[in-house]
Amino acid sequence: MIVVANRIRVTPGFEAEFEQRFAERESLLRDQRGFIRNLVLRPVKSDVYVVMTFWQDMAAFERWTQSESFRQSHAQPTPSGMFAAPNILEIHDVAHMVEA
């Protein structure tokens, strides 16, 4: 399983709009072959949101990044000033997992 984490610093005052953008995209992800889940983590003791997507494998994630759905989900311009710093994209292969 591949986990993609996008760490994003959102400028104060833009939080609700930032979260809404992801709520509007969920159907575009849901239909992607190999997609497992998407989490948008709201900061509690930091100023960084973490957007995580889980994929069956790297090929599934790469198909998403090359798809028309990906282009549609990123087509809406980001409002000027929404991001306080450049995002940091991390891609990890799950080495170990424990579930309840």
PDB file of N, CA and C in Angstrom:
ATOM      1  N   MET A   1       0.853  -1.175   0.000  1.00  0.00           N
ATOM      2  CA  MET A   1       0.000   0.000   0.000  1.00  0.00           C
ATOM      3  C   MET A   1       0.898   1.238   0.000  1.00  0.00           C
ATOM      4  N   ILE A   2       0.496   2.238  -0.746  1.00  0.00           N
ATOM      5  CA  ILE A   2       1.199   3.515  -0.833  1.00  0.00           C
ATOM      6  C   ILE A   2       0.368   4.571  -0.101  1.00  0.00           C
ATOM      7  N   VAL A   3       1.050   5.381   0.709  1.00  0.00           N
ATOM      8  CA  VAL A   3       0.404   6.494   1.390  1.00  0.00           C
ATOM      9  C   VAL A   3       1.084   7.775   0.915  1.00  0.00           C
ATOM     10  N   VAL A   4       0.283   8.696   0.398  1.00  0.00           N
ATOM     11  CA  VAL A   4       0.788   9.982  -0.051  1.00  0.00           C
ATOM     12  C   VAL A   4       0.333  11.027   0.954  1.00  0.00           C
ATOM     13  N   ALA A   5       1.300  11.738   1.525  1.00  0.00           N
ATOM     14  CA  ALA A   5       1.002  12.782   2.506  1.00  0.00           C
ATOM     15  C   ALA A   5       1.421  14.123   1.926  1.00  0.00           C
ATOM     16  N   ASN A   6       0.480  15.041   1.877  1.00  0.00           N
ATOM     17  CA  ASN A   6       0.751  16.388   1.392  1.00  0.00           C
ATOM     18  C   ASN A   6       0.610  17.326   2.585  1.00  0.00           C
ATOM     19  N   ARG A   7       1.710  17.890   3.038  1.00  0.00           N
ATOM     20  CA  ARG A   7       1.722  18.773   4.203  1.00  0.00           C
ATOM     21  C   ARG A   7       1.574  20.210   3.715  1.00  0.00           C
ATOM     22  N   ILE A   8       0.507  20.861   4.179  1.00  0.00           N
ATOM     23  CA  ILE A   8       0.134  22.167   3.637  1.00  0.00           C
ATOM     24  C   ILE A   8      -0.084  23.167   4.765  1.00  0.00           C
ATOM     25  N   ARG A   9       0.629  24.278   4.723  1.00  0.00           N
ATOM     26  CA  ARG A   9       0.415  25.376   5.676  1.00  0.00           C
ATOM     27  C   ARG A   9      -0.637  26.304   5.093  1.00  0.00           C
ATOM     28  N   VAL A  10      -1.781  26.368   5.759  1.00  0.00           N
ATOM     29  CA  VAL A  10      -2.892  27.209   5.312  1.00  0.00           C
ATOM     30  C   VAL A  10      -2.861  28.506   6.111  1.00  0.00           C
ATOM     31  N   THR A  11      -2.962  29.608   5.410  1.00  0.00           N
ATOM     32  CA  THR A  11      -2.969  30.919   6.052  1.00  0.00           C
ATOM     33  C   THR A  11      -4.215  31.061   6.928  1.00  0.00           C
ATOM     34  N   PRO A  12      -4.050  31.546   8.165  1.00  0.00           N
ATOM     35  CA  PRO A  12      -5.220  31.752   9.034  1.00  0.00           C
ATOM     36  C   PRO A  12      -6.310  32.552   8.319  1.00  0.00           C
ATOM     37  N   GLY A  13      -7.547  32.084   8.474  1.00  0.00           N
ATOM     38  CA  GLY A  13      -8.692  32.701   7.812  1.00  0.00           C
ATOM     39  C   GLY A  13      -9.151  31.945   6.577  1.00  0.00           C
ATOM     40  N   PHE A  14      -8.302  31.068   6.050  1.00  0.00           N
ATOM     41  CA  PHE A  14      -8.630  30.294   4.848  1.00  0.00           C
ATOM     42  C   PHE A  14      -9.005  28.840   5.166  1.00  0.00           C
ATOM     43  N   GLU A  15      -9.050  28.469   6.445  1.00  0.00           N
ATOM     44  CA  GLU A  15      -9.235  27.069   6.819  1.00  0.00           C
ATOM     45  C   GLU A  15     -10.527  26.467   6.264  1.00  0.00           C
ATOM     46  N   ALA A  16     -11.662  27.139   6.451  1.00  0.00           N
ATOM     47  CA  ALA A  16     -12.949  26.595   6.001  1.00  0.00           C
ATOM     48  C   ALA A  16     -12.969  26.421   4.481  1.00  0.00           C
ATOM     49  N   GLU A  17     -12.459  27.401   3.764  1.00  0.00           N
ATOM     50  CA  GLU A  17     -12.424  27.320   2.300  1.00  0.00           C
ATOM     51  C   GLU A  17     -11.501  26.186   1.845  1.00  0.00           C
ATOM     52  N   PHE A  18     -10.371  26.021   2.514  1.00  0.00           N
ATOM     53  CA  PHE A  18      -9.441  24.942   2.194  1.00  0.00           C
ATOM     54  C   PHE A  18     -10.115  23.580   2.378  1.00  0.00           C
ATOM     55  N   GLU A  19     -10.768  23.384   3.507  1.00  0.00           N
ATOM     56  CA  GLU A  19     -11.440  22.112   3.774  1.00  0.00           C
ATOM     57  C   GLU A  19     -12.566  21.846   2.780  1.00  0.00           C
ATOM     58  N   GLN A  20     -13.300  22.872   2.405  1.00  0.00           N
ATOM     59  CA  GLN A  20     -14.409  22.720   1.459  1.00  0.00           C
ATOM     60  C   GLN A  20     -13.910  22.256   0.091  1.00  0.00           C
ATOM     61  N   ARG A  21     -12.751  22.716  -0.316  1.00  0.00           N
ATOM     62  CA  ARG A  21     -12.197  22.309  -1.607  1.00  0.00           C
ATOM     63  C   ARG A  21     -12.031  20.790  -1.671  1.00  0.00           C
ATOM     64  N   PHE A  22     -11.636  20.163  -0.566  1.00  0.00           N
ATOM     65  CA  PHE A  22     -11.462  18.716  -0.549  1.00  0.00           C
ATOM     66  C   PHE A  22     -12.798  17.992  -0.501  1.00  0.00           C
ATOM     67  N   ALA A  23     -13.746  18.541   0.208  1.00  0.00           N
ATOM     68  CA  ALA A  23     -15.081  17.930   0.262  1.00  0.00           C
ATOM     69  C   ALA A  23     -15.690  17.870  -1.145  1.00  0.00           C
ATOM     70  N   GLU A  24     -15.440  18.883  -1.949  1.00  0.00           N
ATOM     71  CA  GLU A  24     -15.985  18.934  -3.311  1.00  0.00           C
ATOM     72  C   GLU A  24     -15.286  17.961  -4.258  1.00  0.00           C
ATOM     73  N   ARG A  25     -14.097  17.500  -3.934  1.00  0.00           N
ATOM     74  CA  ARG A  25     -13.324  16.615  -4.810  1.00  0.00           C
ATOM     75  C   ARG A  25     -13.565  15.134  -4.553  1.00  0.00           C
ATOM     76  N   GLU A  26     -14.217  14.789  -3.466  1.00  0.00           N
ATOM     77  CA  GLU A  26     -14.224  13.381  -3.045  1.00  0.00           C
ATOM     78  C   GLU A  26     -14.752  12.416  -4.091  1.00  0.00           C
ATOM     79  N   SER A  27     -15.749  12.806  -4.872  1.00  0.00           N
ATOM     80  CA  SER A  27     -16.293  11.880  -5.868  1.00  0.00           C
ATOM     81  C   SER A  27     -15.291  11.585  -6.984  1.00  0.00           C
ATOM     82  N   LEU A  28     -14.411  12.525  -7.267  1.00  0.00           N
ATOM     83  CA  LEU A  28     -13.407  12.293  -8.308  1.00  0.00           C
ATOM     84  C   LEU A  28     -12.392  11.242  -7.868  1.00  0.00           C
ATOM     85  N   LEU A  29     -12.090  11.191  -6.606  1.00  0.00           N
ATOM     86  CA  LEU A  29     -11.170  10.179  -6.087  1.00  0.00           C
ATOM     87  C   LEU A  29     -11.830   8.812  -5.979  1.00  0.00           C
ATOM     88  N   ARG A  30     -13.049   8.811  -5.498  1.00  0.00           N
ATOM     89  CA  ARG A  30     -13.748   7.571  -5.176  1.00  0.00           C
ATOM     90  C   ARG A  30     -13.785   6.590  -6.359  1.00  0.00           C
ATOM     91  N   ASP A  31     -13.842   7.089  -7.564  1.00  0.00           N
ATOM     92  CA  ASP A  31     -13.963   6.231  -8.736  1.00  0.00           C
ATOM     93  C   ASP A  31     -12.618   5.772  -9.323  1.00  0.00           C
ATOM     94  N   GLN A  32     -11.517   6.148  -8.694  1.00  0.00           N
ATOM     95  CA  GLN A  32     -10.208   5.792  -9.231  1.00  0.00           C
ATOM     96  C   GLN A  32      -9.834   4.367  -8.855  1.00  0.00           C
ATOM     97  N   ARG A  33      -9.432   3.586  -9.842  1.00  0.00           N
ATOM     98  CA  ARG A  33      -8.996   2.216  -9.607  1.00  0.00           C
ATOM     99  C   ARG A  33      -7.768   2.233  -8.703  1.00  0.00           C
ATOM    100  N   GLY A  34      -7.808   1.475  -7.621  1.00  0.00           N
ATOM    101  CA  GLY A  34      -6.691   1.391  -6.694  1.00  0.00           C
ATOM    102  C   GLY A  34      -6.747   2.384  -5.542  1.00  0.00           C
ATOM    103  N   PHE A  35      -7.733   3.282  -5.557  1.00  0.00           N
ATOM    104  CA  PHE A  35      -7.892   4.245  -4.465  1.00  0.00           C
ATOM    105  C   PHE A  35      -8.487   3.542  -3.251  1.00  0.00           C
ATOM    106  N   ILE A  36      -7.953   3.835  -2.067  1.00  0.00           N
ATOM    107  CA  ILE A  36      -8.445   3.229  -0.836  1.00  0.00           C
ATOM    108  C   ILE A  36      -9.162   4.253   0.037  1.00  0.00           C
ATOM    109  N   ARG A  37      -8.481   5.331   0.393  1.00  0.00           N
ATOM    110  CA  ARG A  37      -9.118   6.349   1.242  1.00  0.00           C
ATOM    111  C   ARG A  37      -8.372   7.668   1.153  1.00  0.00           C
ATOM    112  N   ASN A  38      -9.059   8.725   1.582  1.00  0.00           N
ATOM    113  CA  ASN A  38      -8.494  10.078   1.640  1.00  0.00           C
ATOM    114  C   ASN A  38      -8.815  10.659   3.005  1.00  0.00           C
ATOM    115  N   LEU A  39      -7.817  11.232   3.643  1.00  0.00           N
ATOM    116  CA  LEU A  39      -7.999  11.911   4.923  1.00  0.00           C
ATOM    117  C   LEU A  39      -7.484  13.335   4.799  1.00  0.00           C
ATOM    118  N   VAL A  40      -8.238  14.288   5.316  1.00  0.00           N
ATOM    119  CA  VAL A  40      -7.756  15.655   5.456  1.00  0.00           C
ATOM    120  C   VAL A  40      -7.648  15.884   6.960  1.00  0.00           C
ATOM    121  N   LEU A  41      -6.421  16.014   7.439  1.00  0.00           N
ATOM    122  CA  LEU A  41      -6.167  16.143   8.867  1.00  0.00           C
ATOM    123  C   LEU A  41      -6.025  17.621   9.228  1.00  0.00           C
ATOM    124  N   ARG A  42      -6.912  18.099  10.080  1.00  0.00           N
ATOM    125  CA  ARG A  42      -6.906  19.484  10.539  1.00  0.00           C
ATOM    126  C   ARG A  42      -5.911  19.612  11.696  1.00  0.00           C
ATOM    127  N   PRO A  43      -5.048  20.623  11.666  1.00  0.00           N
ATOM    128  CA  PRO A  43      -4.064  20.767  12.729  1.00  0.00           C
ATOM    129  C   PRO A  43      -4.707  21.072  14.081  1.00  0.00           C
ATOM    130  N   VAL A  44      -4.171  20.456  15.117  1.00  0.00           N
ATOM    131  CA  VAL A  44      -4.623  20.699  16.476  1.00  0.00           C
ATOM    132  C   VAL A  44      -3.551  21.475  17.243  1.00  0.00           C
ATOM    133  N   LYS A  45      -2.302  21.026  17.120  1.00  0.00           N
ATOM    134  CA  LYS A  45      -1.198  21.687  17.816  1.00  0.00           C
ATOM    135  C   LYS A  45      -0.088  22.064  16.846  1.00  0.00           C
ATOM    136  N   SER A  46      -0.471  22.493  15.680  1.00  0.00           N
ATOM    137  CA  SER A  46       0.486  22.979  14.684  1.00  0.00           C
ATOM    138  C   SER A  46      -0.301  23.858  13.715  1.00  0.00           C
ATOM    139  N   ASP A  47       0.338  24.299  12.662  1.00  0.00           N
ATOM    140  CA  ASP A  47      -0.366  25.087  11.649  1.00  0.00           C
ATOM    141  C   ASP A  47      -0.330  24.398  10.294  1.00  0.00           C
ATOM    142  N   VAL A  48      -0.110  23.081  10.312  1.00  0.00           N
ATOM    143  CA  VAL A  48       0.034  22.330   9.064  1.00  0.00           C
ATOM    144  C   VAL A  48      -1.104  21.316   8.918  1.00  0.00           C
ATOM    145  N   TYR A  49      -1.856  21.443   7.827  1.00  0.00           N
ATOM    146  CA  TYR A  49      -2.816  20.416   7.440  1.00  0.00           C
ATOM    147  C   TYR A  49      -2.030  19.278   6.793  1.00  0.00           C
ATOM    148  N   VAL A  50      -2.532  18.058   6.936  1.00  0.00           N
ATOM    149  CA  VAL A  50      -1.943  16.925   6.234  1.00  0.00           C
ATOM    150  C   VAL A  50      -3.062  16.255   5.449  1.00  0.00           C
ATOM    151  N   VAL A  51      -2.884  16.191   4.138  1.00  0.00           N
ATOM    152  CA  VAL A  51      -3.841  15.522   3.262  1.00  0.00           C
ATOM    153  C   VAL A  51      -3.209  14.192   2.878  1.00  0.00           C
ATOM    154  N   MET A  52      -3.887  13.100   3.247  1.00  0.00           N
ATOM    155  CA  MET A  52      -3.335  11.775   3.009  1.00  0.00           C
ATOM    156  C   MET A  52      -4.248  10.992   2.073  1.00  0.00           C
ATOM    157  N   THR A  53      -3.653  10.361   1.071  1.00  0.00           N
ATOM    158  CA  THR A  53      -4.390   9.430   0.230  1.00  0.00           C
ATOM    159  C   THR A  53      -3.689   8.083   0.312  1.00  0.00           C
ATOM    160  N   PHE A  54      -4.498   7.037   0.294  1.00  0.00           N
ATOM    161  CA  PHE A  54      -4.018   5.667   0.394  1.00  0.00           C
ATOM    162  C   PHE A  54      -4.347   4.959  -0.916  1.00  0.00           C
ATOM    163  N   TRP A  55      -3.365   4.276  -1.471  1.00  0.00           N
ATOM    164  CA  TRP A  55      -3.495   3.625  -2.776  1.00  0.00           C
ATOM    165  C   TRP A  55      -3.022   2.181  -2.671  1.00  0.00           C
ATOM    166  N   GLN A  56      -3.593   1.311  -3.499  1.00  0.00           N
ATOM    167  CA  GLN A  56      -3.170  -0.093  -3.496  1.00  0.00           C
ATOM    168  C   GLN A  56      -1.693  -0.229  -3.833  1.00  0.00           C
ATOM    169  N   ASP A  57      -1.231   0.585  -4.788  1.00  0.00           N
ATOM    170  CA  ASP A  57       0.174   0.521  -5.188  1.00  0.00           C
ATOM    171  C   ASP A  57       0.559   1.822  -5.877  1.00  0.00           C
ATOM    172  N   MET A  58       1.828   1.960  -6.191  1.00  0.00           N
ATOM    173  CA  MET A  58       2.341   3.184  -6.820  1.00  0.00           C
ATOM    174  C   MET A  58       1.706   3.410  -8.189  1.00  0.00           C
ATOM    175  N   ALA A  59       1.440   2.343  -8.911  1.00  0.00           N
ATOM    176  CA  ALA A  59       0.824   2.468 -10.238  1.00  0.00           C
ATOM    177  C   ALA A  59      -0.548   3.129 -10.134  1.00  0.00           C
ATOM    178  N   ALA A  60      -1.321   2.796  -9.101  1.00  0.00           N
ATOM    179  CA  ALA A  60      -2.647   3.403  -8.917  1.00  0.00           C
ATOM    180  C   ALA A  60      -2.523   4.894  -8.652  1.00  0.00           C
ATOM    181  N   PHE A  61      -1.580   5.281  -7.805  1.00  0.00           N
ATOM    182  CA  PHE A  61      -1.366   6.711  -7.533  1.00  0.00           C
ATOM    183  C   PHE A  61      -0.934   7.436  -8.800  1.00  0.00           C
ATOM    184  N   GLU A  62      -0.017   6.859  -9.539  1.00  0.00           N
ATOM    185  CA  GLU A  62       0.458   7.499 -10.767  1.00  0.00           C
ATOM    186  C   GLU A  62      -0.654   7.623 -11.804  1.00  0.00           C
ATOM    187  N   ARG A  63      -1.529   6.607 -11.912  1.00  0.00           N
ATOM    188  CA  ARG A  63      -2.679   6.714 -12.826  1.00  0.00           C
ATOM    189  C   ARG A  63      -3.540   7.907 -12.439  1.00  0.00           C
ATOM    190  N   TRP A  64      -3.772   8.080 -11.119  1.00  0.00           N
ATOM    191  CA  TRP A  64      -4.571   9.217 -10.643  1.00  0.00           C
ATOM    192  C   TRP A  64      -3.923  10.540 -11.070  1.00  0.00           C
ATOM    193  N   THR A  65      -2.615  10.681 -10.890  1.00  0.00           N
ATOM    194  CA  THR A  65      -1.954  11.950 -11.201  1.00  0.00           C
ATOM    195  C   THR A  65      -1.969  12.258 -12.702  1.00  0.00           C
ATOM    196  N   GLN A  66      -2.205  11.240 -13.522  1.00  0.00           N
ATOM    197  CA  GLN A  66      -2.229  11.438 -14.973  1.00  0.00           C
ATOM    198  C   GLN A  66      -3.652  11.435 -15.537  1.00  0.00           C
ATOM    199  N   SER A  67      -4.645  11.363 -14.656  1.00  0.00           N
ATOM    200  CA  SER A  67      -6.031  11.224 -15.109  1.00  0.00           C
ATOM    201  C   SER A  67      -6.720  12.570 -15.334  1.00  0.00           C
ATOM    202  N   GLU A  68      -7.789  12.521 -16.095  1.00  0.00           N
ATOM    203  CA  GLU A  68      -8.627  13.699 -16.299  1.00  0.00           C
ATOM    204  C   GLU A  68      -9.265  14.126 -14.981  1.00  0.00           C
ATOM    205  N   SER A  69      -9.621  13.185 -14.132  1.00  0.00           N
ATOM    206  CA  SER A  69     -10.194  13.519 -12.823  1.00  0.00           C
ATOM    207  C   SER A  69      -9.212  14.325 -11.980  1.00  0.00           C
ATOM    208  N   PHE A  70      -7.936  13.973 -12.037  1.00  0.00           N
ATOM    209  CA  PHE A  70      -6.905  14.730 -11.311  1.00  0.00           C
ATOM    210  C   PHE A  70      -6.852  16.161 -11.838  1.00  0.00           C
ATOM    211  N   ARG A  71      -6.847  16.306 -13.153  1.00  0.00           N
ATOM    212  CA  ARG A  71      -6.805  17.652 -13.748  1.00  0.00           C
ATOM    213  C   ARG A  71      -8.029  18.463 -13.328  1.00  0.00           C
ATOM    214  N   GLN A  72      -9.195  17.827 -13.314  1.00  0.00           N
ATOM    215  CA  GLN A  72     -10.416  18.518 -12.892  1.00  0.00           C
ATOM    216  C   GLN A  72     -10.339  18.934 -11.423  1.00  0.00           C
ATOM    217  N   SER A  73      -9.813  18.059 -10.597  1.00  0.00           N
ATOM    218  CA  SER A  73      -9.776  18.354  -9.165  1.00  0.00           C
ATOM    219  C   SER A  73      -8.788  19.463  -8.817  1.00  0.00           C
ATOM    220  N   HIS A  74      -7.838  19.731  -9.707  1.00  0.00           N
ATOM    221  CA  HIS A  74      -6.852  20.782  -9.468  1.00  0.00           C
ATOM    222  C   HIS A  74      -7.033  21.978 -10.405  1.00  0.00           C
ATOM    223  N   ALA A  75      -8.159  22.012 -11.119  1.00  0.00           N
ATOM    224  CA  ALA A  75      -8.374  23.065 -12.115  1.00  0.00           C
ATOM    225  C   ALA A  75      -8.769  24.408 -11.488  1.00  0.00           C
ATOM    226  N   GLN A  76      -9.456  24.360 -10.360  1.00  0.00           N
ATOM    227  CA  GLN A  76      -9.888  25.600  -9.725  1.00  0.00           C
ATOM    228  C   GLN A  76      -8.671  26.312  -9.137  1.00  0.00           C
ATOM    229  N   PRO A  77      -8.433  27.553  -9.547  1.00  0.00           N
ATOM    230  CA  PRO A  77      -7.256  28.262  -9.023  1.00  0.00           C
ATOM    231  C   PRO A  77      -7.343  28.433  -7.505  1.00  0.00           C
ATOM    232  N   THR A  78      -6.207  28.318  -6.867  1.00  0.00           N
ATOM    233  CA  THR A  78      -6.135  28.524  -5.420  1.00  0.00           C
ATOM    234  C   THR A  78      -6.189  30.024  -5.148  1.00  0.00           C
ATOM    235  N   PRO A  79      -7.036  30.453  -4.219  1.00  0.00           N
ATOM    236  CA  PRO A  79      -7.099  31.884  -3.907  1.00  0.00           C
ATOM    237  C   PRO A  79      -5.729  32.413  -3.467  1.00  0.00           C
ATOM    238  N   SER A  80      -5.395  33.574  -3.919  1.00  0.00           N
ATOM    239  CA  SER A  80      -4.131  34.198  -3.562  1.00  0.00           C
ATOM    240  C   SER A  80      -4.028  34.320  -2.047  1.00  0.00           C
ATOM    241  N   GLY A  81      -2.919  33.872  -1.511  1.00  0.00           N
ATOM    242  CA  GLY A  81      -2.679  33.978  -0.080  1.00  0.00           C
ATOM    243  C   GLY A  81      -3.177  32.818   0.748  1.00  0.00           C
ATOM    244  N   MET A  82      -3.823  31.808   0.139  1.00  0.00           N
ATOM    245  CA  MET A  82      -4.347  30.679   0.909  1.00  0.00           C
ATOM    246  C   MET A  82      -3.223  29.883   1.590  1.00  0.00           C
ATOM    247  N   PHE A  83      -2.099  29.750   0.914  1.00  0.00           N
ATOM    248  CA  PHE A  83      -1.018  28.946   1.458  1.00  0.00           C
ATOM    249  C   PHE A  83       0.067  29.842   2.042  1.00  0.00           C
ATOM    250  N   ALA A  84       0.481  29.510   3.273  1.00  0.00           N
ATOM    251  CA  ALA A  84       1.485  30.301   3.979  1.00  0.00           C
ATOM    252  C   ALA A  84       2.909  29.892   3.599  1.00  0.00           C
ATOM    253  N   ALA A  85       3.058  28.730   2.957  1.00  0.00           N
ATOM    254  CA  ALA A  85       4.374  28.221   2.556  1.00  0.00           C
ATOM    255  C   ALA A  85       4.154  27.163   1.489  1.00  0.00           C
ATOM    256  N   PRO A  86       5.204  26.792   0.755  1.00  0.00           N
ATOM    257  CA  PRO A  86       5.058  25.706  -0.215  1.00  0.00           C
ATOM    258  C   PRO A  86       4.694  24.396   0.497  1.00  0.00           C
ATOM    259  N   ASN A  87       3.887  23.579  -0.182  1.00  0.00           N
ATOM    260  CA  ASN A  87       3.524  22.286   0.403  1.00  0.00           C
ATOM    261  C   ASN A  87       4.697  21.315   0.314  1.00  0.00           C
ATOM    262  N   ILE A  88       4.634  20.287   1.120  1.00  0.00           N
ATOM    263  CA  ILE A  88       5.647  19.230   1.108  1.00  0.00           C
ATOM    264  C   ILE A  88       4.932  17.918   0.808  1.00  0.00           C
ATOM    265  N   LEU A  89       5.280  17.291  -0.299  1.00  0.00           N
ATOM    266  CA  LEU A  89       4.661  16.036  -0.710  1.00  0.00           C
ATOM    267  C   LEU A  89       5.585  14.882  -0.337  1.00  0.00           C
ATOM    268  N   GLU A  90       5.027  13.892   0.368  1.00  0.00           N
ATOM    269  CA  GLU A  90       5.776  12.709   0.765  1.00  0.00           C
ATOM    270  C   GLU A  90       5.036  11.476   0.274  1.00  0.00           C
ATOM    271  N   ILE A  91       5.769  10.494  -0.222  1.00  0.00           N
ATOM    272  CA  ILE A  91       5.176   9.238  -0.675  1.00  0.00           C
ATOM    273  C   ILE A  91       5.861   8.110   0.086  1.00  0.00           C
ATOM    274  N   HIS A  92       5.034   7.270   0.724  1.00  0.00           N
ATOM    275  CA  HIS A  92       5.570   6.189   1.548  1.00  0.00           C
ATOM    276  C   HIS A  92       4.940   4.860   1.150  1.00  0.00           C
ATOM    277  N   ASP A  93       5.733   3.812   1.227  1.00  0.00           N
ATOM    278  CA  ASP A  93       5.249   2.442   1.090  1.00  0.00           C
ATOM    279  C   ASP A  93       5.034   1.927   2.515  1.00  0.00           C
ATOM    280  N   VAL A  94       3.891   1.335   2.789  1.00  0.00           N
ATOM    281  CA  VAL A  94       3.591   0.857   4.136  1.00  0.00           C
ATOM    282  C   VAL A  94       4.454  -0.369   4.433  1.00  0.00           C
ATOM    283  N   ALA A  95       5.279  -0.240   5.468  1.00  0.00           N
ATOM    284  CA  ALA A  95       6.157  -1.335   5.880  1.00  0.00           C
ATOM    285  C   ALA A  95       5.496  -2.205   6.940  1.00  0.00           C
ATOM    286  N   HIS A  96       4.618  -1.613   7.740  1.00  0.00           N
ATOM    287  CA  HIS A  96       3.958  -2.327   8.826  1.00  0.00           C
ATOM    288  C   HIS A  96       2.671  -1.598   9.169  1.00  0.00           C
ATOM    289  N   MET A  97       1.629  -2.342   9.499  1.00  0.00           N
ATOM    290  CA  MET A  97       0.343  -1.723   9.833  1.00  0.00           C
ATOM    291  C   MET A  97      -0.354  -2.578  10.880  1.00  0.00           C
ATOM    292  N   VAL A  98      -0.995  -1.920  11.835  1.00  0.00           N
ATOM    293  CA  VAL A  98      -1.818  -2.578  12.843  1.00  0.00           C
ATOM    294  C   VAL A  98      -3.175  -1.908  12.797  1.00  0.00           C
ATOM    295  N   GLU A  99      -4.231  -2.703  12.750  1.00  0.00           N
ATOM    296  CA  GLU A  99      -5.587  -2.169  12.765  1.00  0.00           C
ATOM    297  C   GLU A  99      -6.352  -2.822  13.889  1.00  0.00           C
ATOM    298  N   ALA A 100      -7.382  -2.108  14.371  1.00  0.00           N
ATOM    299  CA  ALA A 100      -8.218  -2.632  15.451  1.00  0.00           C
ATOM    300  C   ALA A 100      -9.046  -3.799  14.968  1.00  0.00           C
TER     301      ALA A 100
END
